[in-house]
Amino acid sequence: MARALKRVSVARGLDPRRMALLAFGGAGPLFGCALADALGIGSIVIPPHPGVLSALGLAAAAERVDVLASFHRPLDQLDARDIGRAYGPILEEGARQVPGAACSRFADCRFAGQGYEVTVPVTEHDPREIAAAFRAAHQARYGHAGSGQPIEIVNLRVVALREGPLPRFAAAKRCARAPTGRRSITLSGEPLSASVWSLDDLAAGVTLDGPAVVAGRDATALIEPAWRGTAHPSGALLVQRR
């Protein structure tokens, strides 16, 4: 799991030590402290209802349709009217498929003869603006912006996006200020006595010193000995190294 996190952070030039770790899933919060230690992260966020976070995200996700049309043309042979006319039908199709959506335009561009494209946003139909956006994106991704090679458009895209309603939660009565008991656990081969808390009932502001097992209806968290958790008013549990 630590290697997977490094692939989406260190391998992309991002320093995970400057970030917080979001621990979710039914068992994800069990490994939050260990993963944070492996990555040098000092803060962990366990969101409300961590075991169903993905389902909540799907329920609240925007409705989206991508409409694509082939348009293989050299950019320097086009003018703004050509590009505007080409976008017309796919803009209409995006609006038809997702009524009331906001439609954004994109173009798949490449240097002539290149074997891959870079998708760039299109705010103006001016070919010079599209070329500048492509060179900037190519520079950011591949470290160079070409040396005067001609640019061609391969595809035109329209993304029709309609935001979904924000989730609304029923007011929860979170009043637990003390552990429900203790239990024996084994951590790194060492037997320990851990306090046991109810994840779904923690009152805002309550602090939990590790080792602590925090059990909820849809997930279980483990706060290791060098860490401390604080219940946030939102229902999240903020865990930091002591």
C-alpha atoms as a PDB file:
ATOM      1  CA  MET A   1       0.000   0.000   0.000  1.00  0.00           C
ATOM      2  CA  ALA A   2       2.883   2.374   0.753  1.00  0.00           C
ATOM      3  CA  ARG A   3       4.427   1.659  -2.661  1.00  0.00           C
ATOM      4  CA  ALA A   4       1.089   2.400  -4.330  1.00  0.00           C
ATOM      5  CA  LEU A   5       0.874   5.741  -2.510  1.00  0.00           C
ATOM      6  CA  LYS A   6       4.436   6.594  -3.545  1.00  0.00           C
ATOM      7  CA  ARG A   7       3.542   5.937  -7.187  1.00  0.00           C
ATOM      8  CA  VAL A   8       0.835   8.613  -7.061  1.00  0.00           C
ATOM      9  CA  SER A   9       2.912  11.091  -5.047  1.00  0.00           C
ATOM     10  CA  VAL A  10       6.716  10.757  -5.064  1.00  0.00           C
ATOM     11  CA  ALA A  11       6.771   9.349  -8.615  1.00  0.00           C
ATOM     12  CA  ARG A  12       4.838  12.429  -9.768  1.00  0.00           C
ATOM     13  CA  GLY A  13       7.139  14.880  -8.034  1.00  0.00           C
ATOM     14  CA  LEU A  14       4.848  15.430  -5.022  1.00  0.00           C
ATOM     15  CA  ASP A  15       6.171  15.329  -1.470  1.00  0.00           C
ATOM     16  CA  PRO A  16       3.722  13.310   0.675  1.00  0.00           C
ATOM     17  CA  ARG A  17       5.304  14.687   3.854  1.00  0.00           C
ATOM     18  CA  ARG A  18       3.549  17.985   3.137  1.00  0.00           C
ATOM     19  CA  MET A  19       0.144  16.331   2.819  1.00  0.00           C
ATOM     20  CA  ALA A  20      -2.500  14.723   5.007  1.00  0.00           C
ATOM     21  CA  LEU A  21      -3.436  11.090   4.458  1.00  0.00           C
ATOM     22  CA  LEU A  22      -7.143  10.416   3.844  1.00  0.00           C
ATOM     23  CA  ALA A  23      -7.894   6.976   5.299  1.00  0.00           C
ATOM     24  CA  PHE A  24     -11.185   5.477   4.120  1.00  0.00           C
ATOM     25  CA  GLY A  25     -12.793   2.154   3.362  1.00  0.00           C
ATOM     26  CA  GLY A  26     -14.003  -0.462   5.784  1.00  0.00           C
ATOM     27  CA  ALA A  27     -10.468  -1.420   6.838  1.00  0.00           C
ATOM     28  CA  GLY A  28      -8.460   1.503   5.443  1.00  0.00           C
ATOM     29  CA  PRO A  29      -8.315   3.430   8.743  1.00  0.00           C
ATOM     30  CA  LEU A  30      -6.726   0.361  10.382  1.00  0.00           C
ATOM     31  CA  PHE A  31      -3.567   1.027   8.374  1.00  0.00           C
ATOM     32  CA  GLY A  32      -3.579   4.837   8.413  1.00  0.00           C
ATOM     33  CA  CYS A  33      -0.915   5.310  11.083  1.00  0.00           C
ATOM     34  CA  ALA A  34       1.382   2.647   9.619  1.00  0.00           C
ATOM     35  CA  LEU A  35       1.103   4.130   6.121  1.00  0.00           C
ATOM     36  CA  ALA A  36       1.656   7.655   7.411  1.00  0.00           C
ATOM     37  CA  ASP A  37       4.788   6.473   9.251  1.00  0.00           C
ATOM     38  CA  ALA A  38       6.075   4.803   6.074  1.00  0.00           C
ATOM     39  CA  LEU A  39       5.578   8.026   4.066  1.00  0.00           C
ATOM     40  CA  GLY A  40       6.648  10.546   6.711  1.00  0.00           C
ATOM     41  CA  ILE A  41       3.143  12.045   6.920  1.00  0.00           C
ATOM     42  CA  GLY A  42       2.148  13.732  10.171  1.00  0.00           C
ATOM     43  CA  SER A  43      -1.628  14.097   9.774  1.00  0.00           C
ATOM     44  CA  ILE A  44      -4.424  11.659   8.962  1.00  0.00           C
ATOM     45  CA  VAL A  45      -8.070  12.445   8.192  1.00  0.00           C
ATOM     46  CA  ILE A  46     -10.675   9.746   8.747  1.00  0.00           C
ATOM     47  CA  PRO A  47     -13.882  11.118   7.174  1.00  0.00           C
ATOM     48  CA  PRO A  48     -17.406  10.541   8.494  1.00  0.00           C
ATOM     49  CA  HIS A  49     -18.732   7.137   7.422  1.00  0.00           C
ATOM     50  CA  PRO A  50     -15.357   6.094   5.942  1.00  0.00           C
ATOM     51  CA  GLY A  51     -16.578   2.651   4.911  1.00  0.00           C
ATOM     52  CA  VAL A  52     -19.085   4.074   2.426  1.00  0.00           C
ATOM     53  CA  LEU A  53     -17.120   7.077   1.166  1.00  0.00           C
ATOM     54  CA  SER A  54     -16.883   5.697  -2.388  1.00  0.00           C
ATOM     55  CA  ALA A  55     -20.624   5.040  -2.522  1.00  0.00           C
ATOM     56  CA  LEU A  56     -21.292   8.534  -1.219  1.00  0.00           C
ATOM     57  CA  GLY A  57     -19.013   9.962  -3.905  1.00  0.00           C
ATOM     58  CA  LEU A  58     -20.878   8.087  -6.622  1.00  0.00           C
ATOM     59  CA  ALA A  59     -24.240   9.262  -5.313  1.00  0.00           C
ATOM     60  CA  ALA A  60     -23.091  12.886  -5.263  1.00  0.00           C
ATOM     61  CA  ALA A  61     -21.040  12.799  -8.485  1.00  0.00           C
ATOM     62  CA  ALA A  62     -21.815  15.096 -11.375  1.00  0.00           C
ATOM     63  CA  GLU A  63     -23.587  13.721 -14.443  1.00  0.00           C
ATOM     64  CA  ARG A  64     -21.085  13.844 -17.300  1.00  0.00           C
ATOM     65  CA  VAL A  65     -21.013  12.989 -20.987  1.00  0.00           C
ATOM     66  CA  ASP A  66     -17.982  13.301 -23.272  1.00  0.00           C
ATOM     67  CA  VAL A  67     -18.761  13.847 -26.956  1.00  0.00           C
ATOM     68  CA  LEU A  68     -15.878  13.365 -29.389  1.00  0.00           C
ATOM     69  CA  ALA A  69     -15.577  14.082 -33.107  1.00  0.00           C
ATOM     70  CA  SER A  70     -12.633  13.285 -35.353  1.00  0.00           C
ATOM     71  CA  PHE A  71     -11.147  16.451 -36.847  1.00  0.00           C
ATOM     72  CA  HIS A  72      -7.701  15.616 -38.218  1.00  0.00           C
ATOM     73  CA  ARG A  73      -6.461  18.925 -39.607  1.00  0.00           C
ATOM     74  CA  PRO A  74      -3.217  20.963 -39.542  1.00  0.00           C
ATOM     75  CA  LEU A  75      -3.759  23.811 -37.108  1.00  0.00           C
ATOM     76  CA  ASP A  76      -2.018  26.407 -39.287  1.00  0.00           C
ATOM     77  CA  GLN A  77      -4.509  25.726 -42.096  1.00  0.00           C
ATOM     78  CA  LEU A  78      -7.550  26.557 -39.952  1.00  0.00           C
ATOM     79  CA  ASP A  79      -9.186  29.774 -38.895  1.00  0.00           C
ATOM     80  CA  ALA A  80     -11.534  30.504 -36.009  1.00  0.00           C
ATOM     81  CA  ARG A  81     -14.644  30.063 -38.185  1.00  0.00           C
ATOM     82  CA  ASP A  82     -13.586  26.539 -39.245  1.00  0.00           C
ATOM     83  CA  ILE A  83     -13.098  25.492 -35.640  1.00  0.00           C
ATOM     84  CA  GLY A  84     -16.311  27.154 -34.466  1.00  0.00           C
ATOM     85  CA  ARG A  85     -18.375  25.408 -37.142  1.00  0.00           C
ATOM     86  CA  ALA A  86     -16.822  22.033 -36.239  1.00  0.00           C
ATOM     87  CA  TYR A  87     -17.727  22.460 -32.574  1.00  0.00           C
ATOM     88  CA  GLY A  88     -21.360  23.330 -33.330  1.00  0.00           C
ATOM     89  CA  PRO A  89     -22.801  19.804 -33.763  1.00  0.00           C
ATOM     90  CA  ILE A  90     -20.980  18.273 -30.795  1.00  0.00           C
ATOM     91  CA  LEU A  91     -21.976  21.165 -28.525  1.00  0.00           C
ATOM     92  CA  GLU A  92     -25.591  20.533 -29.525  1.00  0.00           C
ATOM     93  CA  GLU A  93     -25.206  16.804 -28.880  1.00  0.00           C
ATOM     94  CA  GLY A  94     -23.697  17.384 -25.422  1.00  0.00           C
ATOM     95  CA  ALA A  95     -26.543  19.727 -24.488  1.00  0.00           C
ATOM     96  CA  ARG A  96     -29.073  17.197 -25.809  1.00  0.00           C
ATOM     97  CA  GLN A  97     -27.671  14.300 -23.798  1.00  0.00           C
ATOM     98  CA  VAL A  98     -27.359  16.260 -20.529  1.00  0.00           C
ATOM     99  CA  PRO A  99     -30.018  18.994 -20.441  1.00  0.00           C
ATOM    100  CA  GLY A 100     -28.994  21.979 -18.384  1.00  0.00           C
ATOM    101  CA  ALA A 101     -25.330  20.975 -18.412  1.00  0.00           C
ATOM    102  CA  ALA A 102     -22.356  23.299 -18.673  1.00  0.00           C
ATOM    103  CA  CYS A 103     -20.465  22.401 -21.852  1.00  0.00           C
ATOM    104  CA  SER A 104     -16.682  22.794 -22.055  1.00  0.00           C
ATOM    105  CA  ARG A 105     -14.587  22.448 -25.191  1.00  0.00           C
ATOM    106  CA  PHE A 106     -11.309  20.555 -25.556  1.00  0.00           C
ATOM    107  CA  ALA A 107      -9.009  19.532 -28.400  1.00  0.00           C
ATOM    108  CA  ASP A 108      -6.660  16.556 -28.777  1.00  0.00           C
ATOM    109  CA  CYS A 109      -3.515  18.030 -30.349  1.00  0.00           C
ATOM    110  CA  ARG A 110      -0.068  16.771 -31.285  1.00  0.00           C
ATOM    111  CA  PHE A 111       2.983  17.753 -33.232  1.00  0.00           C
ATOM    112  CA  ALA A 112       2.680  16.514 -36.832  1.00  0.00           C
ATOM    113  CA  GLY A 113       3.797  12.884 -36.991  1.00  0.00           C
ATOM    114  CA  GLN A 114       3.713  12.402 -33.230  1.00  0.00           C
ATOM    115  CA  GLY A 115       2.238   9.127 -31.990  1.00  0.00           C
ATOM    116  CA  TYR A 116       0.232  10.521 -29.073  1.00  0.00           C
ATOM    117  CA  GLU A 117      -1.989  13.515 -28.329  1.00  0.00           C
ATOM    118  CA  VAL A 118      -2.329  16.022 -25.509  1.00  0.00           C
ATOM    119  CA  THR A 119      -5.822  17.192 -24.620  1.00  0.00           C
ATOM    120  CA  VAL A 120      -6.052  20.935 -23.974  1.00  0.00           C
ATOM    121  CA  PRO A 121      -8.985  23.169 -23.033  1.00  0.00           C
ATOM    122  CA  VAL A 122     -10.312  25.463 -25.756  1.00  0.00           C
ATOM    123  CA  THR A 123     -11.627  28.827 -24.579  1.00  0.00           C
ATOM    124  CA  GLU A 124     -11.182  30.653 -27.893  1.00  0.00           C
ATOM    125  CA  HIS A 125     -11.521  29.292 -31.413  1.00  0.00           C
ATOM    126  CA  ASP A 126      -8.395  31.198 -32.453  1.00  0.00           C
ATOM    127  CA  PRO A 127      -5.824  28.628 -33.734  1.00  0.00           C
ATOM    128  CA  ARG A 128      -3.006  30.668 -32.162  1.00  0.00           C
ATOM    129  CA  GLU A 129      -4.619  30.368 -28.723  1.00  0.00           C
ATOM    130  CA  ILE A 130      -5.011  26.596 -29.158  1.00  0.00           C
ATOM    131  CA  ALA A 131      -1.386  26.268 -30.294  1.00  0.00           C
ATOM    132  CA  ALA A 132      -0.170  28.235 -27.266  1.00  0.00           C
ATOM    133  CA  ALA A 133      -2.237  26.088 -24.888  1.00  0.00           C
ATOM    134  CA  PHE A 134      -0.892  22.908 -26.490  1.00  0.00           C
ATOM    135  CA  ARG A 135       2.749  24.022 -26.318  1.00  0.00           C
ATOM    136  CA  ALA A 136       2.340  24.992 -22.662  1.00  0.00           C
ATOM    137  CA  ALA A 137       0.727  21.654 -21.811  1.00  0.00           C
ATOM    138  CA  HIS A 138       3.388  19.737 -23.753  1.00  0.00           C
ATOM    139  CA  GLN A 139       6.131  21.664 -21.957  1.00  0.00           C
ATOM    140  CA  ALA A 140       4.597  20.890 -18.562  1.00  0.00           C
ATOM    141  CA  ARG A 141       4.163  17.179 -19.307  1.00  0.00           C
ATOM    142  CA  TYR A 142       7.200  16.315 -21.425  1.00  0.00           C
ATOM    143  CA  GLY A 143       9.695  19.083 -20.674  1.00  0.00           C
ATOM    144  CA  HIS A 144       9.774  20.709 -24.136  1.00  0.00           C
ATOM    145  CA  ALA A 145       7.471  22.651 -26.417  1.00  0.00           C
ATOM    146  CA  GLY A 146       8.851  21.503 -29.746  1.00  0.00           C
ATOM    147  CA  SER A 147      11.184  23.415 -32.010  1.00  0.00           C
ATOM    148  CA  GLY A 148       8.818  24.926 -34.508  1.00  0.00           C
ATOM    149  CA  GLN A 149       7.145  21.698 -35.632  1.00  0.00           C
ATOM    150  CA  PRO A 150       3.657  22.169 -37.058  1.00  0.00           C
ATOM    151  CA  ILE A 151       0.738  21.259 -34.802  1.00  0.00           C
ATOM    152  CA  GLU A 152      -2.329  19.314 -35.830  1.00  0.00           C
ATOM    153  CA  ILE A 153      -5.700  18.745 -34.219  1.00  0.00           C
ATOM    154  CA  VAL A 154      -6.771  15.099 -34.105  1.00  0.00           C
ATOM    155  CA  ASN A 155     -10.111  15.257 -32.227  1.00  0.00           C
ATOM    156  CA  LEU A 156     -12.494  17.847 -30.874  1.00  0.00           C
ATOM    157  CA  ARG A 157     -14.182  17.127 -27.535  1.00  0.00           C
ATOM    158  CA  VAL A 158     -17.094  18.558 -25.607  1.00  0.00           C
ATOM    159  CA  VAL A 159     -17.634  17.698 -21.938  1.00  0.00           C
ATOM    160  CA  ALA A 160     -21.222  18.229 -20.785  1.00  0.00           C
ATOM    161  CA  LEU A 161     -21.277  18.422 -16.978  1.00  0.00           C
ATOM    162  CA  ARG A 162     -24.219  18.854 -14.640  1.00  0.00           C
ATOM    163  CA  GLU A 163     -23.378  18.961 -10.944  1.00  0.00           C
ATOM    164  CA  GLY A 164     -25.304  16.678  -8.629  1.00  0.00           C
ATOM    165  CA  PRO A 165     -26.911  17.797  -5.374  1.00  0.00           C
ATOM    166  CA  LEU A 166     -24.641  18.029  -2.357  1.00  0.00           C
ATOM    167  CA  PRO A 167     -25.288  15.265   0.173  1.00  0.00           C
ATOM    168  CA  ARG A 168     -27.228  16.227   3.277  1.00  0.00           C
ATOM    169  CA  PHE A 169     -26.755  14.286   6.495  1.00  0.00           C
ATOM    170  CA  ALA A 170     -29.251  13.892   9.291  1.00  0.00           C
ATOM    171  CA  ALA A 171     -28.094  15.534  12.484  1.00  0.00           C
ATOM    172  CA  ALA A 172     -26.164  12.941  14.460  1.00  0.00           C
ATOM    173  CA  LYS A 173     -26.215  12.799  18.242  1.00  0.00           C
ATOM    174  CA  ARG A 174     -22.518  12.462  18.934  1.00  0.00           C
ATOM    175  CA  CYS A 175     -22.095  12.452  22.685  1.00  0.00           C
ATOM    176  CA  ALA A 176     -19.487   9.792  23.513  1.00  0.00           C
ATOM    177  CA  ARG A 177     -16.715  11.307  25.646  1.00  0.00           C
ATOM    178  CA  ALA A 178     -15.243   8.160  27.157  1.00  0.00           C
ATOM    179  CA  PRO A 179     -14.157   4.761  25.829  1.00  0.00           C
ATOM    180  CA  THR A 180     -16.569   1.876  25.959  1.00  0.00           C
ATOM    181  CA  GLY A 181     -13.906  -0.431  27.377  1.00  0.00           C
ATOM    182  CA  ARG A 182     -10.491  -1.897  26.696  1.00  0.00           C
ATOM    183  CA  ARG A 183      -9.214  -4.849  24.742  1.00  0.00           C
ATOM    184  CA  SER A 184      -5.944  -6.635  24.122  1.00  0.00           C
ATOM    185  CA  ILE A 185      -4.324  -6.153  20.726  1.00  0.00           C
ATOM    186  CA  THR A 186      -1.018  -7.175  19.156  1.00  0.00           C
ATOM    187  CA  LEU A 187       0.888  -4.518  17.238  1.00  0.00           C
ATOM    188  CA  SER A 188       4.179  -5.334  15.512  1.00  0.00           C
ATOM    189  CA  GLY A 189       4.358  -8.504  17.589  1.00  0.00           C
ATOM    190  CA  GLU A 190       3.937  -6.640  20.876  1.00  0.00           C
ATOM    191  CA  PRO A 191       0.863  -7.211  23.079  1.00  0.00           C
ATOM    192  CA  LEU A 192      -0.859  -3.986  24.101  1.00  0.00           C
ATOM    193  CA  SER A 193      -3.971  -2.877  25.937  1.00  0.00           C
ATOM    194  CA  ALA A 194      -6.025  -0.493  23.790  1.00  0.00           C
ATOM    195  CA  SER A 195      -9.010   1.658  24.656  1.00  0.00           C
ATOM    196  CA  VAL A 196     -12.138   1.016  22.563  1.00  0.00           C
ATOM    197  CA  TRP A 197     -14.268   3.880  21.222  1.00  0.00           C
ATOM    198  CA  SER A 198     -17.412   4.197  19.114  1.00  0.00           C
ATOM    199  CA  LEU A 199     -16.433   5.926  15.853  1.00  0.00           C
ATOM    200  CA  ASP A 200     -19.989   7.035  15.054  1.00  0.00           C
ATOM    201  CA  ASP A 201     -20.701   8.560  18.458  1.00  0.00           C
ATOM    202  CA  LEU A 202     -17.592  10.640  19.250  1.00  0.00           C
ATOM    203  CA  ALA A 203     -18.469  14.073  20.628  1.00  0.00           C
ATOM    204  CA  ALA A 204     -16.731  17.005  18.959  1.00  0.00           C
ATOM    205  CA  GLY A 205     -13.437  17.877  20.634  1.00  0.00           C
ATOM    206  CA  VAL A 206     -12.863  14.507  22.288  1.00  0.00           C
ATOM    207  CA  THR A 207      -9.240  13.338  22.113  1.00  0.00           C
ATOM    208  CA  LEU A 208      -8.135   9.720  21.844  1.00  0.00           C
ATOM    209  CA  ASP A 209      -4.566   8.767  22.720  1.00  0.00           C
ATOM    210  CA  GLY A 210      -3.223   5.647  21.104  1.00  0.00           C
ATOM    211  CA  PRO A 211      -3.314   2.763  21.300  1.00  0.00           C
ATOM    212  CA  ALA A 212      -7.028   2.947  20.594  1.00  0.00           C
ATOM    213  CA  VAL A 213      -9.464   0.887  18.541  1.00  0.00           C
ATOM    214  CA  VAL A 214     -12.252   3.058  17.077  1.00  0.00           C
ATOM    215  CA  ALA A 215     -15.087   0.887  15.792  1.00  0.00           C
ATOM    216  CA  GLY A 216     -17.965   2.173  13.683  1.00  0.00           C
ATOM    217  CA  ARG A 217     -20.914   0.705  11.831  1.00  0.00           C
ATOM    218  CA  ASP A 218     -19.067   0.686   8.505  1.00  0.00           C
ATOM    219  CA  ALA A 219     -15.355   0.880   9.387  1.00  0.00           C
ATOM    220  CA  THR A 220     -12.759   0.313  12.090  1.00  0.00           C
ATOM    221  CA  ALA A 221      -9.791   2.576  12.815  1.00  0.00           C
ATOM    222  CA  LEU A 222      -6.625   1.979  14.793  1.00  0.00           C
ATOM    223  CA  ILE A 223      -4.774   4.822  16.488  1.00  0.00           C
ATOM    224  CA  GLU A 224      -1.267   3.606  17.193  1.00  0.00           C
ATOM    225  CA  PRO A 225       0.672   4.517  20.370  1.00  0.00           C
ATOM    226  CA  ALA A 226       2.563   7.490  18.906  1.00  0.00           C
ATOM    227  CA  TRP A 227      -0.618   9.120  17.581  1.00  0.00           C
ATOM    228  CA  ARG A 228      -3.571  11.087  18.966  1.00  0.00           C
ATOM    229  CA  GLY A 229      -7.025  11.546  17.460  1.00  0.00           C
ATOM    230  CA  THR A 230      -9.402  14.494  17.839  1.00  0.00           C
ATOM    231  CA  ALA A 231     -13.079  14.368  16.874  1.00  0.00           C
ATOM    232  CA  HIS A 232     -13.985  17.192  14.479  1.00  0.00           C
ATOM    233  CA  PRO A 233     -17.474  18.827  14.519  1.00  0.00           C
ATOM    234  CA  SER A 234     -18.049  17.486  10.993  1.00  0.00           C
ATOM    235  CA  GLY A 235     -17.825  13.914  12.281  1.00  0.00           C
ATOM    236  CA  ALA A 236     -14.333  13.357  10.913  1.00  0.00           C
ATOM    237  CA  LEU A 237     -11.535  12.076  13.111  1.00  0.00           C
ATOM    238  CA  LEU A 238      -8.277  14.042  12.806  1.00  0.00           C
ATOM    239  CA  VAL A 239      -5.245  11.986  13.797  1.00  0.00           C
ATOM    240  CA  GLN A 240      -1.818  13.527  14.376  1.00  0.00           C
ATOM    241  CA  ARG A 241       1.524  12.284  15.573  1.00  0.00           C
ATOM    242  CA  ARG A 242       2.096  13.147  19.233  1.00  0.00           C
END
